[in-house]
Amino acid sequence: MPKQKSISIYIKITLSLFFISAFYGWLIRFNSVTALPFFSYTKFLQAHSHVTFLGWGFMSLRTLFNWIFLPHSTSFSKTYKWLFGLEFTCIFLMLISFPIQEYKLFSIVFLSVFLLTSYVYVVQFYKDFNRTKQDKTIVQFVNVSLFFYILSSIGIWLIGVTVATQGKTDLYFNSIYFYLHFLYNGFFVFALFGLFFYHFSKKNVSLSNKELNLFFWLTFGSCFPAYLLSLVKYENTIITAISFMAATLQIIAFYYLVILLKNIKIKGIVQFMFISIIIAFGLKTMLQFGSALPMFRETIIGLKSYFVIGYIHLITLGFVSSSILYLFLEFNLLKLKNRRTKMGLFSFFIVFSQLKPFYLRKEL
């Protein structure tokens, strides 16, 4: 099978997961306007979140990792095809099981098989990737992203165990925040910026090693203590001080990122897309900093569920999904010459640009 045809199948599958994720999200919102029969908000929310993060997010990035970093003879080997197929099958089955039974036997089994399969993928990719010759900084970003994926998945295991043994206790919610924090502030951030910097290096864009290293180490070092920003119920002077320090380090890291990217020249629709991505990442950083300030923290605690929903959608749509679509275009996996692609991208970014102030106004 030709290489381009092989990757196009993977891209179509991941985009179909993006569509299903959006459809489930639409159902959840439509239900708030008109009550749907036999509809459970919690069950569909769990299906929506799993297909978004593990289906669309993780499977798109592992597709990009294989296509970009591995020899094409390796990236489409039988091992990777079987792993991808098993992951997709688990996601598809979870789309059925979660709306029916929530976190119970079949959902837990499908999710467990997915996680175990993804671990096999991570180990195999790590071995193959580190045999290739890549820039040291790119290797750091990619390897750290794999580490954070494994770390974030610990939260998923804790969710299942907690629901089965204790119900929805504080540990249940802290496990969810552990999973989400290290997934989108760890795995997604390092994976996407690793791909961005690789792409710029291939376009002969000169990036300052000093700013690049500062951005990497500040982002990496602040990621661990920043988890405490999620533990709003457990307040004391030490936790508040550590949280503020982590949020401050993230602001400094973003400053170095802006310096790093200020001379990059991009034209056309991808310029608008990339600016939107960096703005969304900057808003994420500022919201985390704001949540560390005592003057805002009490208000955020009172509106925590709304704040979390707005914050997660800002990251998922504005940063993660936008970045994946941007990279699909830049690596010629989506064609802007296609009229449907143009219309779809235009609609996505225009609608989301209107949702940004809506989220900030409504949730805060």
Protein backbone atom coordinates (compact mmCIF):
# COMPACT_ATOMS: atom_id res chain seq x y z
CA MET A 1 0.00 0.00 0.00
CA PRO A 2 1.46 3.41 -0.95
CA LYS A 3 2.69 5.49 1.98
CA GLN A 4 0.38 8.45 1.32
CA LYS A 5 -2.66 6.19 1.05
CA SER A 6 -1.75 4.52 4.35
CA ILE A 7 -1.48 7.79 6.26
CA SER A 8 -4.69 9.12 4.69
CA ILE A 9 -6.62 6.21 6.25
CA TYR A 10 -5.22 7.07 9.68
CA ILE A 11 -6.09 10.75 9.22
CA LYS A 12 -9.66 9.94 8.15
CA ILE A 13 -10.12 7.72 11.22
CA THR A 14 -8.83 10.37 13.63
CA LEU A 15 -10.95 13.07 11.98
CA SER A 16 -13.99 10.79 12.30
CA LEU A 17 -13.29 10.61 16.05
CA PHE A 18 -13.12 14.42 16.11
CA PHE A 19 -16.52 14.54 14.41
CA ILE A 20 -18.05 12.03 16.85
CA SER A 21 -16.60 13.98 19.77
CA ALA A 22 -18.20 17.17 18.43
CA PHE A 23 -21.51 15.37 17.85
CA TYR A 24 -21.60 14.03 21.42
CA GLY A 25 -20.78 17.53 22.66
CA TRP A 26 -23.64 18.90 20.56
CA LEU A 27 -26.04 16.32 22.03
CA ILE A 28 -25.03 17.35 25.55
CA ARG A 29 -25.73 21.01 24.80
CA PHE A 30 -28.92 20.30 22.86
CA ASN A 31 -30.23 18.34 25.83
CA SER A 32 -30.00 21.48 27.95
CA VAL A 33 -32.42 23.18 25.52
CA THR A 34 -34.75 20.25 24.83
CA ALA A 35 -34.73 17.24 27.14
CA LEU A 36 -33.87 14.14 25.12
CA PRO A 37 -35.49 10.81 26.05
CA PHE A 38 -33.24 8.23 27.72
CA PHE A 39 -30.42 10.81 27.80
CA SER A 40 -27.98 10.93 30.73
CA TYR A 41 -25.75 14.02 30.91
CA THR A 42 -23.06 12.29 33.00
CA LYS A 43 -22.88 9.16 30.82
CA PHE A 44 -22.63 11.07 27.54
CA LEU A 45 -20.14 13.50 29.08
CA GLN A 46 -17.86 10.58 29.95
CA ALA A 47 -18.15 9.17 26.42
CA HIS A 48 -17.50 12.64 24.97
CA SER A 49 -14.39 13.23 27.11
CA HIS A 50 -12.87 9.81 26.40
CA VAL A 51 -13.29 10.03 22.63
CA THR A 52 -11.90 13.59 22.70
CA PHE A 53 -8.79 13.05 24.79
CA LEU A 54 -7.89 9.43 24.08
CA GLY A 55 -9.47 9.09 20.63
CA TRP A 56 -9.03 12.36 18.78
CA GLY A 57 -6.17 13.79 20.87
CA PHE A 58 -3.93 10.82 21.65
CA MET A 59 -4.53 8.86 18.45
CA SER A 60 -3.96 11.92 16.24
CA LEU A 61 -0.67 12.70 17.94
CA ARG A 62 0.58 9.13 17.84
CA THR A 63 -0.26 9.14 14.11
CA LEU A 64 1.79 12.32 13.64
CA PHE A 65 4.62 10.86 15.73
CA ASN A 66 4.82 7.77 13.54
CA TRP A 67 4.53 9.63 10.25
CA ILE A 68 7.04 12.36 11.09
CA PHE A 69 9.66 10.74 13.30
CA LEU A 70 9.88 7.14 12.09
CA PRO A 71 10.99 5.67 8.76
CA HIS A 72 7.82 4.99 6.76
CA SER A 73 8.69 1.32 6.51
CA THR A 74 8.50 1.23 10.32
CA SER A 75 5.59 3.61 10.93
CA PHE A 76 3.20 1.33 9.01
CA SER A 77 4.53 -1.96 10.30
CA LYS A 78 2.10 -4.69 11.33
CA THR A 79 2.77 -3.99 15.01
CA TYR A 80 1.69 -0.36 14.75
CA LYS A 81 -1.30 -1.23 12.58
CA TRP A 82 -2.56 -3.78 15.11
CA LEU A 83 -2.01 -1.39 18.00
CA PHE A 84 -3.86 1.42 16.22
CA GLY A 85 -6.71 -0.92 15.25
CA LEU A 86 -7.11 -2.21 18.80
CA GLU A 87 -7.07 1.33 20.24
CA PHE A 88 -9.72 2.46 17.75
CA THR A 89 -11.89 -0.59 18.51
CA CYS A 90 -11.74 0.18 22.25
CA ILE A 91 -12.67 3.83 21.67
CA PHE A 92 -15.58 2.80 19.45
CA LEU A 93 -16.87 0.35 22.07
CA MET A 94 -16.53 2.99 24.80
CA LEU A 95 -18.71 5.30 22.73
CA ILE A 96 -21.45 2.68 23.17
CA SER A 97 -20.73 1.44 26.69
CA PHE A 98 -20.40 4.77 28.52
CA PRO A 99 -23.81 6.14 27.42
CA ILE A 100 -25.39 2.83 28.50
CA GLN A 101 -23.70 2.02 31.79
CA GLU A 102 -21.24 4.79 32.73
CA TYR A 103 -18.14 3.62 34.69
CA LYS A 104 -19.08 -0.03 35.08
CA LEU A 105 -17.82 -3.42 33.91
CA PHE A 106 -17.71 -3.09 30.12
CA SER A 107 -16.58 0.54 30.08
CA ILE A 108 -13.81 -0.22 32.55
CA VAL A 109 -12.71 -3.28 30.53
CA PHE A 110 -12.61 -1.37 27.21
CA LEU A 111 -10.79 1.54 28.84
CA SER A 112 -8.29 -0.81 30.51
CA VAL A 113 -7.55 -2.60 27.23
CA PHE A 114 -7.04 0.77 25.53
CA LEU A 115 -4.59 1.92 28.21
CA LEU A 116 -2.62 -1.32 28.14
CA THR A 117 -2.47 -1.18 24.33
CA SER A 118 -1.31 2.44 24.45
CA TYR A 119 1.45 1.44 26.89
CA VAL A 120 2.69 -1.13 24.39
CA TYR A 121 2.62 1.60 21.74
CA VAL A 122 4.56 4.05 23.93
CA VAL A 123 7.28 1.48 24.67
CA GLN A 124 7.58 0.43 21.01
CA PHE A 125 7.60 4.00 19.72
CA TYR A 126 10.14 5.06 22.36
CA LYS A 127 12.51 2.32 21.19
CA ASP A 128 12.04 3.10 17.48
CA PHE A 129 12.17 6.88 17.96
CA ASN A 130 15.37 6.86 19.97
CA ARG A 131 17.08 4.85 17.23
CA THR A 132 16.52 7.74 14.81
CA LYS A 133 18.77 10.78 14.59
CA GLN A 134 16.89 13.79 15.93
CA ASP A 135 17.84 17.11 17.45
CA LYS A 136 18.46 16.77 21.20
CA THR A 137 15.74 19.29 22.10
CA ILE A 138 13.13 17.54 19.95
CA VAL A 139 14.03 14.24 21.61
CA GLN A 140 13.52 15.85 25.02
CA PHE A 141 10.08 17.19 24.10
CA VAL A 142 8.88 13.90 22.62
CA ASN A 143 10.25 11.67 25.39
CA VAL A 144 8.84 13.91 28.12
CA SER A 145 5.43 13.89 26.41
CA LEU A 146 5.43 10.07 26.53
CA PHE A 147 6.37 10.20 30.22
CA PHE A 148 3.49 12.56 30.99
CA TYR A 149 1.04 10.35 29.08
CA ILE A 150 1.95 7.39 31.29
CA LEU A 151 1.81 9.59 34.40
CA SER A 152 -1.61 11.02 33.51
CA SER A 153 -3.02 7.52 32.95
CA ILE A 154 -2.44 6.72 36.64
CA GLY A 155 -5.35 9.06 37.30
CA ILE A 156 -7.60 6.95 35.04
CA TRP A 157 -6.78 3.77 36.97
CA LEU A 158 -7.52 5.60 40.23
CA ILE A 159 -10.89 6.80 38.87
CA GLY A 160 -11.99 3.23 38.14
CA VAL A 161 -10.77 1.91 41.49
CA THR A 162 -12.36 4.79 43.42
CA VAL A 163 -15.74 4.46 41.71
CA ALA A 164 -15.75 0.71 42.34
CA THR A 165 -14.74 0.94 46.02
CA GLN A 166 -15.74 4.36 47.37
CA GLY A 167 -18.03 6.07 44.90
CA LYS A 168 -17.57 9.72 43.90
CA THR A 169 -15.47 10.88 46.85
CA ASP A 170 -12.85 13.64 46.92
CA LEU A 171 -10.31 11.09 45.69
CA TYR A 172 -12.49 10.49 42.62
CA PHE A 173 -12.46 14.18 41.64
CA ASN A 174 -8.76 14.61 42.47
CA SER A 175 -8.01 11.58 40.27
CA ILE A 176 -9.91 13.20 37.39
CA TYR A 177 -7.95 16.44 37.81
CA PHE A 178 -4.67 14.50 38.05
CA TYR A 179 -5.47 12.76 34.75
CA LEU A 180 -6.57 15.96 33.01
CA HIS A 181 -3.73 18.11 34.32
CA PHE A 182 -0.87 15.84 33.30
CA LEU A 183 -2.59 14.98 30.01
CA TYR A 184 -3.15 18.49 28.69
CA ASN A 185 -0.43 20.42 30.58
CA GLY A 186 2.03 17.54 30.17
CA PHE A 187 1.45 15.18 27.26
CA PHE A 188 -0.35 17.54 24.87
CA VAL A 189 1.87 20.56 25.54
CA PHE A 190 5.19 18.74 25.09
CA ALA A 191 4.00 16.58 22.17
CA LEU A 192 2.61 19.54 20.23
CA PHE A 193 5.51 21.89 20.83
CA GLY A 194 7.92 19.09 19.97
CA LEU A 195 6.13 18.77 16.62
CA PHE A 196 6.03 22.56 16.14
CA PHE A 197 9.76 22.98 16.74
CA TYR A 198 10.58 20.01 14.52
CA HIS A 199 8.49 21.53 11.74
CA PHE A 200 10.19 24.92 12.10
CA SER A 201 13.63 23.31 12.05
CA LYS A 202 12.76 21.56 8.77
CA LYS A 203 11.74 24.95 7.34
CA ASN A 204 15.18 26.28 8.33
CA VAL A 205 13.71 28.65 10.93
CA SER A 206 16.43 29.74 13.33
CA LEU A 207 15.39 29.24 16.97
CA SER A 208 17.42 30.44 19.92
CA ASN A 209 18.70 27.47 21.92
CA LYS A 210 18.73 29.59 25.07
CA GLU A 211 15.03 30.52 24.90
CA LEU A 212 14.11 27.03 23.71
CA ASN A 213 15.82 25.37 26.67
CA LEU A 214 14.38 27.89 29.13
CA PHE A 215 10.88 27.27 27.79
CA PHE A 216 11.36 23.51 28.05
CA TRP A 217 12.76 23.39 31.58
CA LEU A 218 10.41 26.03 33.01
CA THR A 219 7.38 24.27 31.53
CA PHE A 220 8.62 20.86 32.67
CA GLY A 221 9.54 21.98 36.18
CA SER A 222 6.30 23.89 36.76
CA CYS A 223 4.04 21.09 35.52
CA PHE A 224 4.36 18.98 38.68
CA PRO A 225 3.56 21.61 41.36
CA ALA A 226 0.90 23.17 39.08
CA TYR A 227 -1.28 20.13 39.83
CA LEU A 228 -1.90 21.71 43.25
CA LEU A 229 -3.93 24.41 41.49
CA SER A 230 -6.59 21.74 40.97
CA LEU A 231 -6.78 20.85 44.66
CA VAL A 232 -8.84 23.88 45.60
CA LYS A 233 -10.48 22.08 48.52
CA TYR A 234 -7.18 21.50 50.29
CA GLU A 235 -5.99 24.98 51.17
CA ASN A 236 -3.09 26.00 53.37
CA THR A 237 -0.22 28.48 53.20
CA ILE A 238 2.28 25.99 51.78
CA ILE A 239 -0.02 24.74 48.99
CA THR A 240 -0.98 28.31 48.09
CA ALA A 241 2.70 29.37 47.93
CA ILE A 242 3.74 26.38 45.80
CA SER A 243 0.76 26.88 43.47
CA PHE A 244 1.63 30.55 42.99
CA MET A 245 5.27 29.67 42.30
CA ALA A 246 4.24 27.10 39.66
CA ALA A 247 1.85 29.54 37.98
CA THR A 248 4.54 32.24 37.96
CA LEU A 249 7.05 29.87 36.34
CA GLN A 250 4.48 29.11 33.62
CA ILE A 251 4.07 32.83 32.92
CA ILE A 252 7.84 33.18 32.58
CA ALA A 253 7.93 30.13 30.29
CA PHE A 254 5.27 31.71 28.08
CA TYR A 255 7.32 34.91 27.92
CA TYR A 256 10.28 32.96 26.55
CA LEU A 257 7.99 31.18 24.11
CA VAL A 258 6.81 34.53 22.69
CA ILE A 259 10.43 35.68 22.32
CA LEU A 260 11.23 32.37 20.63
CA LEU A 261 8.42 32.65 18.11
CA LYS A 262 8.39 36.40 17.39
CA ASN A 263 10.56 36.13 14.26
CA ILE A 264 8.70 33.20 12.72
CA LYS A 265 7.01 34.21 9.47
CA ILE A 266 3.89 32.32 8.41
CA LYS A 267 1.49 33.40 5.68
CA GLY A 268 -2.12 32.67 4.72
CA ILE A 269 -4.76 30.87 6.75
CA VAL A 270 -2.11 28.93 8.69
CA GLN A 271 -0.84 32.24 10.08
CA PHE A 272 -4.29 32.96 11.53
CA MET A 273 -4.42 29.41 12.87
CA PHE A 274 -1.00 29.60 14.54
CA ILE A 275 -1.71 32.99 16.13
CA SER A 276 -5.01 31.61 17.47
CA ILE A 277 -3.16 28.61 18.93
CA ILE A 278 -0.59 30.76 20.75
CA ILE A 279 -3.33 33.10 22.05
CA ALA A 280 -5.25 30.09 23.41
CA PHE A 281 -2.06 28.77 25.05
CA GLY A 282 -1.42 32.21 26.54
CA LEU A 283 -4.99 32.43 27.90
CA LYS A 284 -4.55 28.99 29.46
CA THR A 285 -1.37 30.18 31.17
CA MET A 286 -3.00 33.39 32.43
CA LEU A 287 -6.06 31.54 33.74
CA GLN A 288 -3.80 29.22 35.72
CA PHE A 289 -1.95 32.24 37.11
CA GLY A 290 -5.26 33.89 38.00
CA SER A 291 -6.44 30.76 39.82
CA ALA A 292 -3.31 30.97 42.01
CA LEU A 293 -4.09 34.51 43.19
CA PRO A 294 -5.96 34.65 46.54
CA MET A 295 -8.20 37.49 45.29
CA PHE A 296 -9.63 35.26 42.53
CA ARG A 297 -9.26 31.85 44.14
CA GLU A 298 -12.35 32.10 46.34
CA THR A 299 -14.53 33.07 43.38
CA ILE A 300 -13.11 30.21 41.31
CA ILE A 301 -13.84 27.72 44.10
CA GLY A 302 -17.48 28.78 44.07
CA LEU A 303 -17.69 28.41 40.29
CA LYS A 304 -15.31 25.48 40.00
CA SER A 305 -17.43 23.22 37.78
CA TYR A 306 -18.11 26.07 35.33
CA PHE A 307 -14.49 27.23 35.42
CA VAL A 308 -13.20 23.71 34.70
CA ILE A 309 -15.62 23.25 31.76
CA GLY A 310 -14.60 26.57 30.19
CA TYR A 311 -10.91 25.99 30.87
CA ILE A 312 -10.90 22.48 29.41
CA HIS A 313 -12.75 23.58 26.26
CA LEU A 314 -10.36 26.49 25.81
CA ILE A 315 -7.43 24.07 25.86
CA THR A 316 -9.06 21.24 23.92
CA LEU A 317 -10.50 23.35 21.12
CA GLY A 318 -8.24 26.38 21.13
CA PHE A 319 -4.89 24.71 21.69
CA VAL A 320 -4.98 20.93 21.18
CA SER A 321 -7.50 20.52 18.32
CA SER A 322 -6.35 23.68 16.55
CA SER A 323 -2.72 22.55 16.78
CA ILE A 324 -3.48 19.09 15.41
CA LEU A 325 -5.38 20.57 12.44
CA TYR A 326 -2.56 23.06 11.87
CA LEU A 327 0.02 20.26 11.85
CA PHE A 328 -2.13 18.16 9.51
CA LEU A 329 -2.01 21.07 7.06
CA GLU A 330 1.67 21.85 7.49
CA PHE A 331 2.69 18.22 6.97
CA ASN A 332 0.41 17.98 3.90
CA LEU A 333 -1.97 15.51 5.51
CA LEU A 334 -4.87 17.86 4.80
CA LYS A 335 -5.08 19.85 1.57
CA LEU A 336 -6.21 23.48 1.66
CA LYS A 337 -7.01 23.21 -2.04
CA ASN A 338 -9.94 21.04 -1.04
CA ARG A 339 -13.01 23.30 -0.75
CA ARG A 340 -14.56 21.25 2.07
CA THR A 341 -11.33 21.46 4.06
CA LYS A 342 -11.28 25.25 3.67
CA MET A 343 -14.91 25.60 4.74
CA GLY A 344 -14.46 23.26 7.69
CA LEU A 345 -11.33 25.02 8.99
CA PHE A 346 -12.83 28.46 8.45
CA SER A 347 -16.00 27.52 10.34
CA PHE A 348 -14.05 25.90 13.19
CA PHE A 349 -11.74 28.86 13.82
CA ILE A 350 -14.35 31.56 13.33
CA VAL A 351 -16.79 29.87 15.72
CA PHE A 352 -14.10 29.19 18.30
CA SER A 353 -12.79 32.77 18.13
CA GLN A 354 -16.30 33.82 19.18
CA LEU A 355 -16.45 31.19 21.94
CA LYS A 356 -13.25 32.39 23.67
CA PRO A 357 -14.77 35.54 25.17
CA PHE A 358 -18.01 33.64 25.82
CA TYR A 359 -16.18 31.03 27.92
CA LEU A 360 -14.22 33.64 29.84
CA ARG A 361 -17.31 35.73 30.51
CA LYS A 362 -19.64 32.88 31.38
CA GLU A 363 -17.26 30.72 33.41
CA LEU A 364 -15.48 33.45 35.37
